[in-house]
Amino acid sequence: MTVTNPGADRETAFVLDFGAQYAQLIARKVRECGVYCEILPFDTPTERILARRPSAIIFSGGPASVYEVGAPACAADLLASGVPILGICYGHQLIAHLLDGEVASGATKEYGRTPLEVLDTGGLFAGIGGTAPLTCWMSHGDLVSRPPSGFTVTARTPNTPVAAMADPSRRLYGVQFHPEVAHTPFGKTLLKNFLVNEAGCTASWTMGGFIQEAIEAIRARVDAHQRVVLGLSGGVDSSVCAALLGRAIGSRLTCILVDHGFMRKGEADRVASVFRQSFDLELIHVDARERFLSRLVGVTDPEEKRKRIGEEFIRVFEAEAEKLSNVAFLAQGTLYPDVIESGTGAASTIKTHHNVGGLPETMKLPLIEPLRDLFKDEVRQVGRELGLPETIVARHPFPGPGLAIRVLGEVNAQSLDTLREADAIAIEEIRHANWYDRCAQAFVVLLPVYTVGVMGDHRTYANVAALRVVTTEDFMTADWARLPDDLLERISNRIINEVPGINRVVYDISSKPPATVEWE
């Protein structure tokens, strides 16, 4: 029912996910090299992989040991398919294990930055290697102790004799380190060497090309007499989706802004105003605050919150669509990270995104999700190519369930109002300090925790608010922002002094992973 994969014939690389922490990061880095990339489960049958005509395949890392019973593995015949394959970390070891190499537990483990000696300055290391050791990022206990027949050792470290290996005749390559992380400075060049020089990819994946593919796919799917309704939140994803659909079908797109009561302070009116200034499209503004809040009475589980909100969104859209004529599709700004985190065959469920796992089983309207294959940074590029203003393109992400998943525990009107005021203060101060564009996302969470305080010589017993500010490029990994002490102090003082019901502010200094960006 979902319109996806508009460029079914495009040049594609695949990442086989063996449970890696960085599988999504590998895919994103491959796309940065100009090659479209998708993630597949490690046990995808060889015939299904080859039927997609892959230009290249990358085996990801993973936490297992290849010699353990039940360790994840692909079919050995994939290595004989002639498709260029690069193994990373566990994937490197798996190539050795599936052939006639040897993998063993290392006497000394390697974690973090490690000096790398390049033995062959061609192939993967073309334009990289030199006389001085390079720095790479390692994270392993096992290692390839002997490469398979036909392989040449192309790099080593003091504790890893086969840090990289290659068999160009079979187009098979392996590296023990992680080229996809920023801590391996030459990693992107190595990946591009594999994709372009060794696999022969043309590196033709661009956002301009994607836009044309998506427009053609939308026009092929939506007949000339049919209309599409789009759930507009005012965020980057739904706004870019609106611009793309508007380019494809023009006035046959109707955008619906649903105020579910979980938006930030003044958000609904601001979104409606900005949209009408930037788009020449029909906008319907629906006040559904009481309807949504009633669905969350007594609900404390975050997954249940997301699912109920997701279902209610669909029901509101369907009700509004029935008032219009010839509506055939519902459009959403779903992204690739939404799909991955909501759970796939290759990844466990981190959290159900309301627009993926939160959808009801029965829907009256089939979905169009033209951004479903894109990462957040790619969506921003699409927005800029479509001419959207920076006030929209550079906006911090805001989750579909909104403040409902930032009020931890049961949600009610009072807790939402309290959080709205605290959040507005934090964003105002962050903007004033010129930190908004230096971080990727900033918000306040209201905790279901009460602590003792003192205000004007009187004892208080009130809520704790947590400030969360992160930096990231793709939202698959993130780090906490090192905000200046005086900025944190101003935010804390203002929230405590100006927002009744909060007497303590804490700052979240957790990275992703192991934490997520949102708390629920």
Protein backbone atom coordinates (compact mmCIF):
# COMPACT_ATOMS: atom_id res chain seq x y z
CA MET A 1 0.00 0.00 0.00
CA THR A 2 2.97 2.34 0.48
CA VAL A 3 4.61 4.14 -2.42
CA THR A 4 8.32 3.71 -1.78
CA ASN A 5 11.52 2.92 -3.64
CA PRO A 6 10.80 5.30 -6.53
CA GLY A 7 14.14 4.48 -8.15
CA ALA A 8 13.88 0.71 -8.30
CA ASP A 9 16.50 0.53 -11.05
CA ARG A 10 19.03 2.85 -9.45
CA GLU A 11 22.57 1.72 -8.66
CA THR A 12 22.39 0.22 -5.17
CA ALA A 13 24.81 -1.02 -2.55
CA PHE A 14 23.60 -3.14 0.35
CA VAL A 15 24.73 -3.39 3.95
CA LEU A 16 24.14 -6.82 5.46
CA ASP A 17 23.45 -6.13 9.13
CA PHE A 18 25.02 -8.62 11.54
CA GLY A 19 23.80 -6.71 14.60
CA ALA A 20 26.15 -3.77 14.28
CA GLN A 21 25.84 -0.63 16.33
CA TYR A 22 26.84 1.35 13.22
CA ALA A 23 24.99 -0.42 10.39
CA GLN A 24 22.89 2.68 9.66
CA LEU A 25 25.99 4.86 9.79
CA ILE A 26 27.66 2.67 7.16
CA ALA A 27 24.67 3.11 4.85
CA ARG A 28 24.70 6.86 5.35
CA LYS A 29 28.43 7.11 4.63
CA VAL A 30 27.98 5.08 1.45
CA ARG A 31 25.31 7.54 0.33
CA GLU A 32 27.69 10.40 1.08
CA CYS A 33 30.02 8.73 -1.42
CA GLY A 34 27.28 9.12 -4.05
CA VAL A 35 25.96 5.54 -4.01
CA TYR A 36 22.43 4.72 -2.89
CA CYS A 37 22.47 2.17 -0.06
CA GLU A 38 19.97 0.03 1.82
CA ILE A 39 20.26 -2.24 4.86
CA LEU A 40 19.23 -5.90 4.70
CA PRO A 41 19.10 -8.59 7.39
CA PHE A 42 22.20 -10.80 7.44
CA ASP A 43 20.15 -13.90 6.66
CA THR A 44 18.54 -12.52 3.51
CA PRO A 45 18.70 -15.37 0.94
CA THR A 46 21.41 -14.96 -1.66
CA GLU A 47 18.94 -15.21 -4.53
CA ARG A 48 16.90 -12.32 -3.11
CA ILE A 49 20.01 -10.16 -2.75
CA LEU A 50 21.25 -10.93 -6.26
CA ALA A 51 17.78 -10.33 -7.69
CA ARG A 52 18.19 -6.70 -6.63
CA ARG A 53 21.36 -6.52 -8.80
CA PRO A 54 23.64 -5.05 -6.12
CA SER A 55 26.57 -2.95 -7.25
CA ALA A 56 28.39 -3.70 -3.99
CA ILE A 57 27.78 -5.37 -0.63
CA ILE A 58 29.18 -4.46 2.78
CA PHE A 59 29.14 -6.87 5.71
CA SER A 60 28.65 -4.88 8.92
CA GLY A 61 30.23 -5.45 12.29
CA GLY A 62 28.45 -7.24 15.12
CA PRO A 63 28.83 -8.34 18.74
CA ALA A 64 29.14 -12.11 18.16
CA SER A 65 32.15 -14.36 17.54
CA VAL A 66 32.07 -16.07 14.16
CA TYR A 67 33.17 -19.42 15.58
CA GLU A 68 30.38 -19.60 18.18
CA VAL A 69 27.40 -21.91 17.63
CA GLY A 70 24.51 -19.90 16.29
CA ALA A 71 26.61 -16.89 15.29
CA PRO A 72 24.97 -14.83 12.53
CA ALA A 73 26.23 -15.64 9.05
CA CYS A 74 25.21 -15.22 5.44
CA ALA A 75 25.27 -18.02 2.88
CA ALA A 76 28.82 -18.82 1.74
CA ASP A 77 27.75 -18.78 -1.90
CA LEU A 78 27.37 -15.00 -1.70
CA LEU A 79 31.17 -14.75 -1.63
CA ALA A 80 31.33 -16.57 -4.96
CA SER A 81 28.71 -14.38 -6.66
CA GLY A 82 31.24 -11.98 -8.17
CA VAL A 83 29.62 -8.98 -6.45
CA PRO A 84 32.29 -6.82 -4.76
CA ILE A 85 32.14 -7.37 -0.99
CA LEU A 86 33.75 -5.42 1.84
CA GLY A 87 33.70 -6.88 5.35
CA ILE A 88 33.98 -4.54 8.35
CA CYS A 89 35.05 -5.84 11.78
CA TYR A 90 32.78 -8.91 12.29
CA GLY A 91 32.14 -8.88 8.54
CA HIS A 92 35.90 -8.99 7.93
CA GLN A 93 36.20 -11.99 10.25
CA LEU A 94 33.19 -13.69 8.64
CA ILE A 95 34.80 -13.57 5.19
CA ALA A 96 37.87 -15.31 6.62
CA HIS A 97 35.72 -17.81 8.51
CA LEU A 98 33.53 -18.73 5.51
CA LEU A 99 36.59 -19.33 3.36
CA ASP A 100 39.71 -21.11 4.62
CA GLY A 101 41.11 -18.42 6.90
CA GLU A 102 41.34 -18.52 10.68
CA VAL A 103 39.69 -16.33 13.30
CA ALA A 104 40.76 -16.39 16.94
CA SER A 105 40.33 -14.48 20.16
CA GLY A 106 43.03 -11.83 20.31
CA ALA A 107 45.58 -11.97 23.12
CA THR A 108 45.18 -8.21 23.42
CA LYS A 109 41.88 -6.51 22.67
CA GLU A 110 41.78 -3.29 20.67
CA TYR A 111 39.27 -0.56 21.45
CA GLY A 112 39.40 3.06 20.37
CA ARG A 113 42.02 4.93 18.38
CA THR A 114 44.76 2.62 17.09
CA PRO A 115 47.84 3.21 14.90
CA LEU A 116 47.55 1.44 11.53
CA GLU A 117 50.46 0.48 9.28
CA VAL A 118 49.46 0.35 5.60
CA LEU A 119 51.33 -2.34 3.64
CA ASP A 120 49.73 -1.72 0.23
CA THR A 121 49.08 1.88 -0.78
CA GLY A 122 46.88 0.83 -3.70
CA GLY A 123 43.38 -0.67 -3.72
CA LEU A 124 41.34 0.41 -0.71
CA PHE A 125 44.22 2.56 0.51
CA ALA A 126 44.81 4.45 -2.75
CA GLY A 127 45.62 8.04 -1.89
CA ILE A 128 45.63 7.23 1.82
CA GLY A 129 48.68 5.27 2.91
CA GLY A 130 52.11 6.75 3.51
CA THR A 131 55.24 6.13 5.50
CA ALA A 132 53.71 7.31 8.79
CA PRO A 133 51.09 5.17 10.60
CA LEU A 134 47.47 6.18 10.19
CA THR A 135 44.91 6.37 12.98
CA CYS A 136 41.88 4.10 12.83
CA TRP A 137 39.07 3.19 15.22
CA MET A 138 39.05 -0.37 16.52
CA SER A 139 36.45 -2.19 18.59
CA HIS A 140 37.13 -5.93 18.72
CA GLY A 141 38.29 -8.87 20.77
CA ASP A 142 38.55 -11.45 17.97
CA LEU A 143 40.82 -11.09 14.95
CA VAL A 144 41.78 -12.76 11.70
CA SER A 145 44.90 -14.71 12.62
CA ARG A 146 45.40 -16.10 9.10
CA PRO A 147 43.81 -14.73 5.91
CA PRO A 148 42.13 -17.09 3.41
CA SER A 149 44.06 -18.39 0.41
CA GLY A 150 44.42 -15.78 -2.30
CA PHE A 151 44.19 -12.83 0.10
CA THR A 152 46.99 -10.31 0.65
CA VAL A 153 47.42 -8.56 3.97
CA THR A 154 47.19 -4.83 3.19
CA ALA A 155 47.40 -3.32 6.69
CA ARG A 156 48.25 -4.29 10.25
CA THR A 157 48.45 -2.90 13.78
CA PRO A 158 50.77 -3.86 16.66
CA ASN A 159 48.16 -6.35 17.93
CA THR A 160 46.27 -7.28 14.75
CA PRO A 161 48.37 -8.94 12.03
CA VAL A 162 45.50 -8.81 9.50
CA ALA A 163 43.94 -5.39 9.99
CA ALA A 164 43.02 -5.32 6.29
CA MET A 165 43.08 -7.91 3.51
CA ALA A 166 42.20 -8.06 -0.16
CA ASP A 167 41.61 -10.55 -2.95
CA PRO A 168 40.99 -8.33 -6.01
CA SER A 169 40.57 -11.34 -8.31
CA ARG A 170 37.45 -12.37 -6.36
CA ARG A 171 36.59 -8.74 -5.51
CA LEU A 172 36.62 -9.51 -1.78
CA TYR A 173 37.99 -7.14 0.86
CA GLY A 174 38.03 -6.90 4.63
CA VAL A 175 39.05 -4.37 7.28
CA GLN A 176 39.12 -4.99 11.02
CA PHE A 177 38.67 -1.30 11.89
CA HIS A 178 35.59 0.89 11.38
CA PRO A 179 35.90 3.22 8.37
CA GLU A 180 32.36 4.53 8.88
CA VAL A 181 33.08 6.45 12.10
CA ALA A 182 34.57 9.93 12.29
CA HIS A 183 37.41 8.59 14.48
CA THR A 184 38.85 6.93 11.36
CA PRO A 185 39.76 10.13 9.47
CA PHE A 186 40.44 8.40 6.14
CA GLY A 187 37.39 6.14 6.39
CA LYS A 188 35.20 7.89 3.84
CA THR A 189 38.03 7.85 1.30
CA LEU A 190 38.50 4.12 1.87
CA LEU A 191 34.79 3.47 1.39
CA LYS A 192 34.78 5.52 -1.81
CA ASN A 193 37.85 3.62 -3.07
CA PHE A 194 35.92 0.39 -2.53
CA LEU A 195 32.73 1.63 -4.13
CA VAL A 196 34.15 3.52 -7.11
CA ASN A 197 37.58 2.04 -7.81
CA GLU A 198 37.02 -1.59 -6.84
CA ALA A 199 33.26 -2.05 -7.36
CA GLY A 200 32.95 0.28 -10.34
CA CYS A 201 30.04 2.31 -8.96
CA THR A 202 29.29 5.56 -10.81
CA ALA A 203 28.50 7.53 -7.63
CA SER A 204 25.43 9.09 -9.23
CA TRP A 205 23.17 9.28 -6.16
CA THR A 206 22.18 12.95 -5.68
CA MET A 207 19.22 14.69 -4.11
CA GLY A 208 18.45 16.36 -7.42
CA GLY A 209 18.19 12.94 -9.03
CA PHE A 210 16.09 11.67 -6.14
CA ILE A 211 13.64 14.55 -6.54
CA GLN A 212 13.06 13.69 -10.20
CA GLU A 213 12.64 9.98 -9.40
CA ALA A 214 10.18 10.74 -6.60
CA ILE A 215 8.11 13.13 -8.70
CA GLU A 216 7.86 10.61 -11.52
CA ALA A 217 6.87 7.84 -9.09
CA ILE A 218 4.20 10.00 -7.44
CA ARG A 219 2.71 11.04 -10.80
CA ALA A 220 2.69 7.42 -11.95
CA ARG A 221 0.84 6.36 -8.79
CA VAL A 222 -1.65 9.21 -8.38
CA ASP A 223 -4.13 9.49 -11.26
CA ALA A 224 -4.95 12.91 -12.69
CA HIS A 225 -8.37 13.01 -10.98
CA GLN A 226 -7.16 11.83 -7.56
CA ARG A 227 -6.25 13.92 -4.51
CA VAL A 228 -3.74 13.36 -1.70
CA VAL A 229 -4.01 14.55 1.90
CA LEU A 230 -0.82 15.14 3.89
CA GLY A 231 -0.41 15.23 7.64
CA LEU A 232 1.53 18.46 8.17
CA SER A 233 3.30 19.08 11.50
CA GLY A 234 5.45 22.00 10.39
CA GLY A 235 8.62 20.03 10.94
CA VAL A 236 11.33 19.44 8.37
CA ASP A 237 10.05 16.05 7.21
CA SER A 238 6.38 16.88 6.61
CA SER A 239 7.24 20.28 5.12
CA VAL A 240 9.69 18.78 2.62
CA CYS A 241 7.15 16.06 1.85
CA ALA A 242 4.55 18.77 1.16
CA ALA A 243 6.91 20.66 -1.14
CA LEU A 244 7.78 17.48 -3.05
CA LEU A 245 4.16 16.41 -3.46
CA GLY A 246 3.21 19.96 -4.40
CA ARG A 247 5.84 19.88 -7.14
CA ALA A 248 4.41 16.55 -8.37
CA ILE A 249 0.63 17.07 -8.20
CA GLY A 250 0.12 20.76 -7.40
CA SER A 251 -3.34 21.79 -6.18
CA ARG A 252 -4.46 18.16 -5.85
CA LEU A 253 -2.59 18.09 -2.52
CA THR A 254 -4.41 19.14 0.64
CA CYS A 255 -2.36 19.56 3.82
CA ILE A 256 -3.97 18.92 7.19
CA LEU A 257 -2.44 20.45 10.32
CA VAL A 258 -3.77 18.56 13.33
CA ASP A 259 -3.35 20.34 16.65
CA HIS A 260 -3.30 17.37 19.00
CA GLY A 261 -2.55 19.51 22.03
CA PHE A 262 1.00 18.23 22.33
CA MET A 263 2.69 21.03 20.39
CA ARG A 264 5.13 23.57 21.76
CA LYS A 265 4.02 27.01 22.92
CA GLY A 266 2.34 28.86 20.03
CA GLU A 267 3.42 26.14 17.61
CA ALA A 268 0.13 25.48 15.81
CA ASP A 269 -0.48 29.11 14.88
CA ARG A 270 3.18 29.63 13.93
CA VAL A 271 3.22 26.57 11.66
CA ALA A 272 0.02 27.66 9.93
CA SER A 273 1.43 31.16 9.37
CA VAL A 274 4.79 29.96 7.99
CA PHE A 275 3.11 27.38 5.77
CA ARG A 276 0.75 29.88 4.19
CA GLN A 277 3.69 32.21 3.50
CA SER A 278 5.87 29.49 1.94
CA PHE A 279 3.41 27.23 0.11
CA ASP A 280 0.70 27.78 -2.44
CA LEU A 281 -1.29 24.79 -1.20
CA GLU A 282 -4.56 24.23 0.60
CA LEU A 283 -4.24 23.94 4.39
CA ILE A 284 -6.89 22.66 6.79
CA HIS A 285 -6.27 23.41 10.48
CA VAL A 286 -7.98 20.92 12.83
CA ASP A 287 -8.30 21.47 16.58
CA ALA A 288 -8.31 17.95 18.04
CA ARG A 289 -6.77 18.65 21.44
CA GLU A 290 -9.54 17.19 23.59
CA ARG A 291 -9.86 14.17 21.32
CA PHE A 292 -6.20 13.21 21.65
CA LEU A 293 -5.88 13.94 25.36
CA SER A 294 -8.86 11.69 26.11
CA ARG A 295 -7.05 8.79 24.40
CA LEU A 296 -4.15 9.05 26.85
CA VAL A 297 -6.06 9.01 30.14
CA GLY A 298 -4.35 6.50 32.44
CA VAL A 299 -1.66 5.64 29.86
CA THR A 300 1.94 5.63 31.10
CA ASP A 301 3.72 3.22 28.75
CA PRO A 302 5.56 5.19 26.03
CA GLU A 303 4.93 2.59 23.33
CA GLU A 304 1.21 2.66 24.08
CA LYS A 305 1.25 6.46 23.91
CA ARG A 306 2.87 6.41 20.49
CA LYS A 307 0.48 3.79 19.13
CA ARG A 308 -2.64 5.55 20.37
CA ILE A 309 -1.48 8.89 19.00
CA GLY A 310 -0.53 7.29 15.68
CA GLU A 311 -3.93 5.65 15.34
CA GLU A 312 -5.77 8.83 16.28
CA PHE A 313 -3.82 10.81 13.68
CA ILE A 314 -4.98 8.41 11.00
CA ARG A 315 -8.61 8.60 12.15
CA VAL A 316 -8.56 12.41 12.11
CA PHE A 317 -7.02 12.46 8.62
CA GLU A 318 -9.60 9.95 7.38
CA ALA A 319 -12.45 12.02 8.83
CA GLU A 320 -11.18 15.18 7.15
CA ALA A 321 -10.56 13.35 3.88
CA GLU A 322 -14.20 12.23 3.79
CA LYS A 323 -15.19 15.90 3.59
CA LEU A 324 -13.16 16.27 0.39
CA SER A 325 -13.73 14.74 -3.02
CA ASN A 326 -11.58 12.17 -4.82
CA VAL A 327 -9.08 11.68 -1.96
CA ALA A 328 -7.18 8.48 -2.75
CA PHE A 329 -3.99 8.64 -0.62
CA LEU A 330 -2.62 9.77 2.72
CA ALA A 331 0.94 11.15 2.62
CA GLN A 332 3.46 11.15 5.49
CA GLY A 333 6.99 12.42 5.98
CA THR A 334 8.34 9.08 7.19
CA LEU A 335 12.16 8.77 7.11
CA TYR A 336 14.55 5.82 7.01
CA PRO A 337 15.58 6.18 10.70
CA ASP A 338 11.86 6.03 11.63
CA VAL A 339 11.62 2.68 9.86
CA ILE A 340 14.85 1.30 11.35
CA GLU A 341 14.07 2.31 14.95
CA SER A 342 10.50 1.02 14.70
CA GLY A 343 11.92 -2.44 14.02
CA THR A 344 12.78 -4.33 10.84
CA GLY A 345 14.02 -7.78 10.05
CA ALA A 346 17.53 -6.44 10.60
CA ALA A 347 16.98 -4.30 13.66
CA SER A 348 15.09 -4.63 16.92
CA THR A 349 12.46 -2.11 17.91
CA ILE A 350 14.06 0.86 19.68
CA LYS A 351 10.87 2.88 19.84
CA THR A 352 7.73 2.75 17.73
CA HIS A 353 7.50 5.87 15.60
CA HIS A 354 3.86 6.93 15.45
CA ASN A 355 3.97 7.05 11.65
CA VAL A 356 5.40 3.53 11.27
CA GLY A 357 4.74 0.99 14.02
CA GLY A 358 2.00 3.19 15.48
CA LEU A 359 -0.24 2.90 12.42
CA PRO A 360 -3.51 1.00 12.84
CA GLU A 361 -3.86 -2.37 11.13
CA THR A 362 -6.82 -1.19 9.05
CA MET A 363 -6.63 2.07 7.11
CA LYS A 364 -9.06 3.51 4.59
CA LEU A 365 -6.35 5.31 2.63
CA PRO A 366 -3.13 3.79 1.26
CA LEU A 367 0.08 5.61 2.14
CA ILE A 368 2.47 7.66 0.06
CA GLU A 369 5.82 8.13 1.83
CA PRO A 370 8.26 9.60 -0.71
CA LEU A 371 10.97 10.32 1.90
CA ARG A 372 10.92 6.86 3.48
CA ASP A 373 14.35 5.92 2.09
CA LEU A 374 16.14 9.11 3.20
CA PHE A 375 18.19 10.11 6.21
CA LYS A 376 17.51 13.44 7.93
CA ASP A 377 20.46 15.26 6.36
CA GLU A 378 19.31 14.10 2.91
CA VAL A 379 15.81 15.44 3.59
CA ARG A 380 17.28 18.83 4.45
CA GLN A 381 19.17 18.78 1.15
CA VAL A 382 15.96 17.95 -0.71
CA GLY A 383 14.23 20.86 1.04
CA ARG A 384 16.93 23.29 -0.03
CA GLU A 385 16.81 21.99 -3.62
CA LEU A 386 13.05 22.58 -3.58
CA GLY A 387 13.58 26.17 -2.42
CA LEU A 388 12.26 25.94 1.13
CA PRO A 389 13.43 28.69 3.53
CA GLU A 390 16.05 27.93 6.18
CA THR A 391 13.48 28.64 8.90
CA ILE A 392 11.89 25.34 7.85
CA VAL A 393 14.89 23.35 6.59
CA ALA A 394 17.11 24.08 9.60
CA ARG A 395 14.38 23.56 12.19
CA HIS A 396 15.09 21.07 14.94
CA PRO A 397 13.13 17.81 14.68
CA PHE A 398 9.96 17.57 16.73
CA PRO A 399 8.40 14.13 17.27
CA GLY A 400 4.93 13.44 15.95
CA PRO A 401 3.59 12.58 19.42
CA GLY A 402 5.07 15.89 20.57
CA LEU A 403 5.13 16.77 24.25
CA ALA A 404 3.11 13.64 25.08
CA ILE A 405 6.36 11.65 25.02
CA ARG A 406 8.24 14.39 26.87
CA VAL A 407 5.86 14.27 29.80
CA LEU A 408 7.06 11.02 31.30
CA GLY A 409 4.26 8.95 32.77
CA GLU A 410 0.60 9.90 32.47
CA VAL A 411 -0.19 12.99 30.40
CA ASN A 412 -2.68 15.65 31.48
CA ALA A 413 -3.42 19.25 30.54
CA GLN A 414 -1.56 20.70 33.54
CA SER A 415 1.65 18.74 32.95
CA LEU A 416 1.59 19.71 29.27
CA ASP A 417 1.20 23.41 30.13
CA THR A 418 4.05 23.19 32.64
CA LEU A 419 6.34 21.52 30.12
CA ARG A 420 5.34 23.95 27.36
CA GLU A 421 6.46 26.94 29.45
CA ALA A 422 9.75 25.32 30.50
CA ASP A 423 10.54 24.22 26.96
CA ALA A 424 9.83 27.70 25.57
CA ILE A 425 12.29 29.24 28.03
CA ALA A 426 15.02 26.74 27.13
CA ILE A 427 14.64 27.27 23.36
CA GLU A 428 14.51 31.06 23.80
CA GLU A 429 17.77 31.09 25.76
CA ILE A 430 19.48 28.66 23.38
CA ARG A 431 18.54 30.85 20.43
CA HIS A 432 19.64 34.02 22.22
CA ALA A 433 23.05 32.44 22.92
CA ASN A 434 23.41 31.47 19.22
CA TRP A 435 23.46 27.79 20.07
CA TYR A 436 20.30 26.72 18.21
CA ASP A 437 22.08 26.18 14.89
CA ARG A 438 25.11 24.65 16.61
CA CYS A 439 23.09 21.77 18.03
CA ALA A 440 20.75 19.31 16.32
CA GLN A 441 17.93 19.08 18.85
CA ALA A 442 17.08 20.74 22.15
CA PHE A 443 14.12 20.24 24.46
CA VAL A 444 12.90 19.82 28.03
CA VAL A 445 11.46 16.66 29.57
CA LEU A 446 9.10 16.73 32.55
CA LEU A 447 9.94 13.88 34.92
CA PRO A 448 7.42 12.06 37.14
CA VAL A 449 9.77 12.74 40.04
CA TYR A 450 9.27 15.20 42.90
CA THR A 451 12.11 16.69 44.91
CA VAL A 452 12.37 18.96 47.91
CA GLY A 453 13.34 22.57 47.32
CA VAL A 454 13.26 25.90 49.07
CA MET A 455 11.83 29.12 47.65
CA GLY A 456 11.51 32.28 49.74
CA ASP A 457 12.28 30.35 52.92
CA HIS A 458 9.41 27.97 52.15
CA ARG A 459 9.73 24.26 51.48
CA THR A 460 8.66 23.10 48.03
CA TYR A 461 8.00 19.65 46.70
CA ALA A 462 7.78 19.84 42.91
CA ASN A 463 8.71 18.28 39.59
CA VAL A 464 12.15 17.82 38.09
CA ALA A 465 12.75 19.05 34.54
CA ALA A 466 15.52 17.56 32.39
CA LEU A 467 17.20 19.53 29.61
CA ARG A 468 18.32 17.50 26.59
CA VAL A 469 20.55 19.09 23.91
CA VAL A 470 22.41 16.95 21.37
CA THR A 471 24.72 17.27 18.41
CA THR A 472 24.52 14.81 15.52
CA GLU A 473 24.70 14.54 11.76
CA ASP A 474 22.21 11.74 11.17
CA PHE A 475 20.35 11.05 14.46
CA MET A 476 21.43 7.41 14.31
CA THR A 477 24.19 8.40 16.74
CA ALA A 478 24.32 11.56 18.86
CA ASP A 479 26.38 13.24 21.56
CA TRP A 480 25.30 15.67 24.26
CA ALA A 481 26.06 19.32 23.55
CA ARG A 482 28.71 20.99 25.70
CA LEU A 483 26.66 24.09 26.46
CA PRO A 484 28.43 26.91 28.34
CA ASP A 485 27.92 26.93 32.10
CA ASP A 486 26.40 30.41 32.09
CA LEU A 487 23.81 29.34 29.49
CA LEU A 488 22.83 26.30 31.53
CA GLU A 489 22.60 28.52 34.59
CA ARG A 490 20.26 31.00 32.88
CA ILE A 491 18.00 28.23 31.60
CA SER A 492 17.81 26.59 35.02
CA ASN A 493 17.21 29.84 36.90
CA ARG A 494 14.49 31.02 34.55
CA ILE A 495 12.63 27.69 34.53
CA ILE A 496 12.66 27.40 38.31
CA ASN A 497 11.73 31.04 38.86
CA GLU A 498 9.11 31.39 36.12
CA VAL A 499 7.42 27.99 35.81
CA PRO A 500 5.22 26.92 38.75
CA GLY A 501 5.56 23.23 39.57
CA ILE A 502 9.28 22.84 38.80
CA ASN A 503 11.96 23.32 41.45
CA ARG A 504 14.90 21.46 39.95
CA VAL A 505 16.56 21.27 36.50
CA VAL A 506 19.06 18.59 35.46
CA TYR A 507 21.10 18.28 32.26
CA ASP A 508 21.17 15.01 30.31
CA ILE A 509 24.77 14.08 29.40
CA SER A 510 24.00 10.72 27.77
CA SER A 511 25.12 9.88 24.24
CA LYS A 512 23.24 7.79 21.66
CA PRO A 513 23.88 4.92 21.97
CA PRO A 514 23.39 3.76 24.67
CA ALA A 515 20.62 6.31 25.25
CA THR A 516 18.20 7.57 22.61
CA VAL A 517 17.64 11.25 21.85
CA GLU A 518 14.06 11.21 23.15
CA TRP A 519 13.41 9.86 26.63
CA GLU A 520 10.29 7.94 25.59
